[in-house]
Protein backbone atom coordinates (compact mmCIF):
# COMPACT_ATOMS: atom_id res chain seq x y z
CA MET A 1 -42.27 20.19 21.03
CA THR A 2 -44.23 17.35 22.73
CA THR A 3 -42.51 14.60 24.70
CA ALA A 4 -44.46 11.36 24.73
CA LEU A 5 -43.68 8.52 27.30
CA ILE A 6 -44.93 5.39 26.18
CA LEU A 7 -45.42 1.94 27.96
CA GLY A 8 -44.12 -0.85 26.01
CA ASP A 9 -45.34 -4.36 26.05
CA ALA A 10 -42.72 -5.42 28.32
CA GLY A 11 -43.25 -2.69 30.77
CA GLU A 12 -40.56 -0.38 29.92
CA VAL A 13 -40.98 3.24 29.47
CA GLN A 14 -39.87 4.53 26.09
CA VAL A 15 -39.51 8.47 25.04
CA ILE A 16 -40.34 9.97 21.76
CA ASN A 17 -40.38 13.58 20.82
CA SER A 18 -42.92 15.43 18.56
CA SER A 19 -43.49 16.09 15.13
CA ASN A 20 -45.24 18.98 13.51
CA PHE A 21 -48.69 17.13 13.38
CA GLY A 22 -51.05 18.58 15.83
CA GLU A 23 -50.39 19.31 19.62
CA PHE A 24 -49.54 15.74 20.27
CA GLY A 25 -48.12 14.47 16.99
CA VAL A 26 -45.19 12.10 17.32
CA ASP A 27 -43.03 10.41 14.36
CA ALA A 28 -45.30 7.58 13.11
CA ALA A 29 -41.93 5.30 12.35
CA ALA A 30 -40.57 5.74 15.89
CA PHE A 31 -44.37 5.35 17.24
CA GLY A 32 -44.88 2.25 15.30
CA GLY A 33 -41.43 0.61 16.14
CA LEU A 34 -42.06 1.08 20.10
CA THR A 35 -45.91 0.08 20.16
CA GLY A 36 -46.24 -2.57 17.17
CA TRP A 37 -49.17 -0.32 15.78
CA GLU A 38 -49.51 0.89 12.18
CA LEU A 39 -51.87 2.91 10.28
CA LYS A 40 -52.85 0.82 7.10
CA SER A 41 -55.90 0.78 4.91
CA ALA A 42 -57.73 -1.60 7.22
CA GLY A 43 -57.46 0.63 10.12
CA LEU A 44 -55.05 0.88 13.05
CA CYS A 45 -53.12 -2.57 13.12
CA LYS A 46 -51.04 -4.43 15.34
CA GLY A 47 -50.12 -7.69 13.60
CA ASP A 48 -53.37 -9.57 12.80
CA LEU A 49 -55.63 -7.12 14.85
CA CYS A 50 -57.02 -4.03 13.16
CA VAL A 51 -59.02 -1.26 14.73
CA PRO A 52 -61.18 0.62 12.42
CA VAL A 53 -60.27 4.54 12.22
CA ARG A 54 -63.29 6.57 10.78
CA ASN A 55 -61.14 9.75 10.35
CA PRO A 56 -57.61 8.66 9.65
CA GLN A 57 -56.69 12.28 8.89
CA VAL A 58 -57.28 13.21 12.57
CA LEU A 59 -55.05 10.10 13.67
CA SER A 60 -52.42 10.85 11.19
CA ASP A 61 -50.79 13.12 8.59
CA GLY A 62 -49.03 10.18 7.04
CA GLU A 63 -45.66 10.95 8.96
CA SER A 64 -46.96 11.45 12.12
CA ILE A 65 -49.55 9.87 14.63
CA ASN A 66 -51.78 12.02 16.98
CA ILE A 67 -50.91 10.26 20.44
CA ALA A 68 -54.33 11.60 21.94
CA GLU A 69 -56.43 10.26 19.13
CA PHE A 70 -54.41 6.81 19.19
CA ALA A 71 -55.13 6.69 23.05
CA ARG A 72 -59.08 7.25 22.32
CA ILE A 73 -59.13 4.78 19.69
CA THR A 74 -57.42 1.90 21.50
CA ASN A 75 -59.07 2.83 24.85
CA ARG A 76 -55.59 3.35 26.63
CA ASN A 77 -55.18 5.71 29.64
CA ILE A 78 -53.32 9.07 28.51
CA LEU A 79 -52.07 11.91 30.78
CA ILE A 80 -51.48 15.27 29.06
CA ASP A 81 -49.58 17.92 30.74
CA SER A 82 -50.33 21.04 28.13
CA ASP A 83 -48.03 23.36 30.04
CA ARG A 84 -44.93 21.28 29.95
CA LYS A 85 -45.83 19.47 26.44
CA ILE A 86 -45.64 15.98 28.15
CA VAL A 87 -47.76 13.15 27.39
CA ALA A 88 -47.91 9.81 29.07
CA LEU A 89 -49.50 6.87 27.41
CA GLY A 90 -50.58 3.87 29.45
CA ASP A 91 -51.56 0.25 28.81
CA GLN A 92 -54.93 -0.89 27.44
CA ALA A 93 -58.09 -0.82 29.56
CA THR A 94 -58.58 -4.40 28.75
CA SER A 95 -55.19 -5.28 30.26
CA ARG A 96 -55.92 -3.41 33.29
CA ALA A 97 -59.33 -5.10 33.65
CA GLN A 98 -57.46 -8.46 33.30
CA SER A 99 -55.21 -7.49 36.03
CA MET A 100 -57.80 -6.33 38.49
CA ALA A 101 -60.05 -9.28 37.75
CA THR A 102 -57.14 -11.71 38.78
CA LEU A 103 -56.02 -9.43 41.60
CA GLU A 104 -52.43 -10.33 40.67
CA ALA A 105 -49.90 -7.44 41.24
CA PRO A 106 -47.20 -7.18 38.29
CA ASN A 107 -43.66 -7.99 39.10
CA PHE A 108 -41.43 -5.24 39.98
CA THR A 109 -37.74 -4.94 41.55
CA LEU A 110 -36.95 -2.07 44.37
CA PRO A 111 -34.11 -1.44 46.45
CA ASP A 112 -34.62 -2.68 50.08
CA ILE A 113 -33.32 -0.60 53.20
CA ASN A 114 -29.90 -2.06 52.68
CA GLY A 115 -29.90 -1.13 49.02
CA LYS A 116 -30.21 -4.82 47.89
CA LEU A 117 -32.54 -5.25 44.73
CA VAL A 118 -35.71 -7.49 45.80
CA SER A 119 -38.39 -8.41 43.59
CA PHE A 120 -41.91 -8.88 44.35
CA TYR A 121 -41.83 -12.23 43.05
CA ASP A 122 -39.21 -13.45 45.31
CA TYR A 123 -41.91 -13.51 47.95
CA ASN A 124 -44.11 -15.79 45.77
CA ARG A 125 -46.21 -18.48 47.66
CA ARG A 126 -45.95 -16.21 51.00
CA LYS A 127 -48.64 -13.54 51.90
CA ARG A 128 -47.41 -9.92 50.96
CA LEU A 129 -48.78 -6.61 52.00
CA LEU A 130 -47.90 -3.71 49.72
CA LEU A 131 -47.98 0.00 51.20
CA ALA A 132 -47.87 2.78 48.77
CA TRP A 133 -47.43 6.30 49.88
CA SER A 134 -46.77 9.59 47.85
CA SER A 135 -46.10 13.10 49.07
CA TRP A 136 -48.05 14.67 46.07
């Protein structure tokens, strides 16, 4: 069974579990509800926007969506841990490129050293320095 972590439009992370379609198949209805993308005769569609799909049988078996193929078609970042059967699906490249072009950091909220929640935008109109560190 594969677990898929999907970054939603509002920045929230949603989790859906796999189906039996391919190594990274997830339930099409749950996937469509989270992302807004549906497979139609015109292709893979979100609202009025449709992306052509040359091999729909690789993307879907009618009940499931192959999340790795979805990432390829929609130009999204994807992280796959085959050993643990976990897939993380990120934002589209165009959204990332736009953020990098404007050099604007997204808003986020974290606790300070006293446990009080502080948002990045609380310091709007001031210079801010972000330091990031990871032990891995």
